[in-house]
C-alpha atoms as a PDB file:
ATOM      1  CA  MET A   1      98.940 -42.436  24.812  1.00  0.00           C
ATOM      2  CA  ALA A   2      98.472 -45.654  26.746  1.00  0.00           C
ATOM      3  CA  SER A   3      98.190 -43.863  30.121  1.00  0.00           C
ATOM      4  CA  THR A   4      95.528 -41.586  28.653  1.00  0.00           C
ATOM      5  CA  VAL A   5      93.550 -44.532  27.264  1.00  0.00           C
ATOM      6  CA  ARG A   6      93.784 -46.325  30.689  1.00  0.00           C
ATOM      7  CA  ALA A   7      92.535 -43.162  32.468  1.00  0.00           C
ATOM      8  CA  LEU A   8      89.637 -42.795  30.041  1.00  0.00           C
ATOM      9  CA  CYS A   9      88.719 -46.406  30.530  1.00  0.00           C
ATOM     10  CA  THR A  10      87.998 -45.717  34.199  1.00  0.00           C
ATOM     11  CA  ILE A  11      84.938 -43.678  33.124  1.00  0.00           C
ATOM     12  CA  LYS A  12      81.780 -45.797  33.105  1.00  0.00           C
ATOM     13  CA  GLY A  13      80.559 -46.624  29.612  1.00  0.00           C
ATOM     14  CA  ILE A  14      83.906 -46.050  27.878  1.00  0.00           C
ATOM     15  CA  ASP A  15      85.782 -49.113  26.688  1.00  0.00           C
ATOM     16  CA  GLU A  16      89.284 -49.331  25.241  1.00  0.00           C
ATOM     17  CA  LEU A  17      88.304 -48.590  21.667  1.00  0.00           C
ATOM     18  CA  SER A  18      86.203 -45.566  22.642  1.00  0.00           C
ATOM     19  CA  ALA A  19      88.991 -44.285  24.864  1.00  0.00           C
ATOM     20  CA  PHE A  20      91.494 -44.670  22.007  1.00  0.00           C
ATOM     21  CA  CYS A  21      89.245 -42.760  19.646  1.00  0.00           C
ATOM     22  CA  LEU A  22      88.761 -39.914  22.195  1.00  0.00           C
ATOM     23  CA  ALA A  23      92.500 -39.766  22.948  1.00  0.00           C
ATOM     24  CA  CYS A  24      93.441 -39.631  19.191  1.00  0.00           C
ATOM     25  CA  LYS A  25      90.933 -36.949  18.346  1.00  0.00           C
ATOM     26  CA  ALA A  26      91.617 -34.724  21.376  1.00  0.00           C
ATOM     27  CA  GLY A  27      95.328 -35.087  21.332  1.00  0.00           C
ATOM     28  CA  CYS A  28      96.515 -33.539  24.616  1.00  0.00           C
ATOM     29  CA  PHE A  29      93.611 -33.052  27.047  1.00  0.00           C
ATOM     30  CA  SER A  30      95.571 -30.487  28.979  1.00  0.00           C
ATOM     31  CA  ARG A  31      94.802 -27.908  26.293  1.00  0.00           C
ATOM     32  CA  PHE A  32      91.219 -27.795  27.621  1.00  0.00           C
ATOM     33  CA  ARG A  33      91.011 -25.716  30.792  1.00  0.00           C
ATOM     34  CA  CYS A  34      87.758 -27.306  31.997  1.00  0.00           C
ATOM     35  CA  ALA A  35      85.111 -29.912  31.086  1.00  0.00           C
ATOM     36  CA  GLY A  36      82.911 -27.278  29.597  1.00  0.00           C
ATOM     37  CA  GLU A  37      85.606 -26.242  27.179  1.00  0.00           C
ATOM     38  CA  TYR A  38      86.028 -29.826  26.066  1.00  0.00           C
ATOM     39  CA  ALA A  39      82.194 -30.214  25.728  1.00  0.00           C
ATOM     40  CA  SER A  40      82.142 -27.053  23.553  1.00  0.00           C
ATOM     41  CA  TRP A  41      84.968 -28.438  21.390  1.00  0.00           C
ATOM     42  CA  CYS A  42      82.868 -31.621  20.937  1.00  0.00           C
ATOM     43  CA  GLY A  43      79.732 -29.647  20.081  1.00  0.00           C
ATOM     44  CA  LEU A  44      77.806 -30.996  23.057  1.00  0.00           C
ATOM     45  CA  ILE A  45      76.684 -27.679  24.543  1.00  0.00           C
ATOM     46  CA  PRO A  46      73.120 -26.366  23.938  1.00  0.00           C
ATOM     47  CA  SER A  47      72.555 -23.605  21.408  1.00  0.00           C
ATOM     48  CA  GLU A  48      71.270 -20.370  22.850  1.00  0.00           C
ATOM     49  CA  HIS A  49      69.125 -17.572  21.476  1.00  0.00           C
ATOM     50  CA  SER A  50      68.930 -14.921  24.164  1.00  0.00           C
ATOM     51  CA  SER A  51      67.919 -11.321  24.154  1.00  0.00           C
ATOM     52  CA  GLY A  52      67.610  -9.105  27.218  1.00  0.00           C
ATOM     53  CA  GLU A  53      65.936 -11.056  29.992  1.00  0.00           C
ATOM     54  CA  LYS A  54      64.630 -13.773  27.611  1.00  0.00           C
ATOM     55  CA  GLU A  55      66.896 -16.871  27.561  1.00  0.00           C
ATOM     56  CA  ILE A  56      66.124 -19.687  25.099  1.00  0.00           C
ATOM     57  CA  LYS A  57      68.233 -22.771  24.968  1.00  0.00           C
ATOM     58  CA  GLY A  58      67.967 -25.236  22.043  1.00  0.00           C
ATOM     59  CA  HIS A  59      69.477 -28.499  20.892  1.00  0.00           C
ATOM     60  CA  ILE A  60      73.197 -29.224  21.009  1.00  0.00           C
ATOM     61  CA  THR A  61      75.187 -27.164  18.578  1.00  0.00           C
ATOM     62  CA  LYS A  62      76.874 -30.031  16.695  1.00  0.00           C
ATOM     63  CA  THR A  63      79.624 -27.617  15.573  1.00  0.00           C
ATOM     64  CA  GLY A  64      82.498 -29.578  17.104  1.00  0.00           C
ATOM     65  CA  ASN A  65      84.344 -32.779  16.326  1.00  0.00           C
ATOM     66  CA  LYS A  66      81.758 -35.212  14.903  1.00  0.00           C
ATOM     67  CA  ALA A  67      83.724 -38.428  15.604  1.00  0.00           C
ATOM     68  CA  THR A  68      84.339 -37.443  19.279  1.00  0.00           C
ATOM     69  CA  ARG A  69      80.698 -36.474  19.777  1.00  0.00           C
ATOM     70  CA  ARG A  70      79.463 -39.716  18.320  1.00  0.00           C
ATOM     71  CA  THR A  71      81.843 -41.758  20.528  1.00  0.00           C
ATOM     72  CA  LEU A  72      80.707 -39.939  23.694  1.00  0.00           C
ATOM     73  CA  VAL A  73      76.980 -40.251  22.775  1.00  0.00           C
ATOM     74  CA  GLU A  74      77.378 -44.031  22.107  1.00  0.00           C
ATOM     75  CA  SER A  75      79.275 -44.465  25.389  1.00  0.00           C
ATOM     76  CA  ALA A  76      76.517 -42.651  27.227  1.00  0.00           C
ATOM     77  CA  TRP A  77      73.882 -44.912  25.603  1.00  0.00           C
ATOM     78  CA  HIS A  78      75.910 -47.993  26.554  1.00  0.00           C
ATOM     79  CA  TYR A  79      76.279 -46.867  30.163  1.00  0.00           C
ATOM     80  CA  GLN A  80      72.524 -46.119  30.362  1.00  0.00           C
ATOM     81  CA  SER A  81      71.529 -49.535  28.933  1.00  0.00           C
ATOM     82  CA  CYS A  82      73.868 -51.384  31.286  1.00  0.00           C
ATOM     83  CA  SER A  83      72.756 -49.390  34.337  1.00  0.00           C
ATOM     84  CA  THR A  84      69.072 -50.030  33.609  1.00  0.00           C
ATOM     85  CA  LYS A  85      69.619 -53.757  33.461  1.00  0.00           C
ATOM     86  CA  LEU A  86      71.313 -53.748  36.871  1.00  0.00           C
ATOM     87  CA  LYS A  87      68.442 -51.968  38.464  1.00  0.00           C
ATOM     88  CA  GLN A  88      65.766 -54.368  37.216  1.00  0.00           C
ATOM     89  CA  ILE A  89      66.676 -57.232  39.591  1.00  0.00           C
ATOM     90  CA  PRO A  90      63.374 -58.936  40.694  1.00  0.00           C
ATOM     91  CA  ASN A  91      62.564 -59.111  44.377  1.00  0.00           C
ATOM     92  CA  GLU A  92      62.644 -62.608  45.848  1.00  0.00           C
END
């Protein structure tokens, strides 16, 4: 599992603890054929209420793994807050 954790740590916003949580919950990532399948498993895809030509997308479904979804959302918030601070360097 150490190699999986190291690989996940290369993603911006994901630290060792987050990577370990993601690796434990997902098990073997090779069981997901694509990123969309993993996002669906996590419950991070938008809900959809479509009929005929009308397509309505809603909030995320939240039907997947709660711990994984929370870890990914917190990692995204961490990345966003760190990226914002780097961009706010005052001009000299």
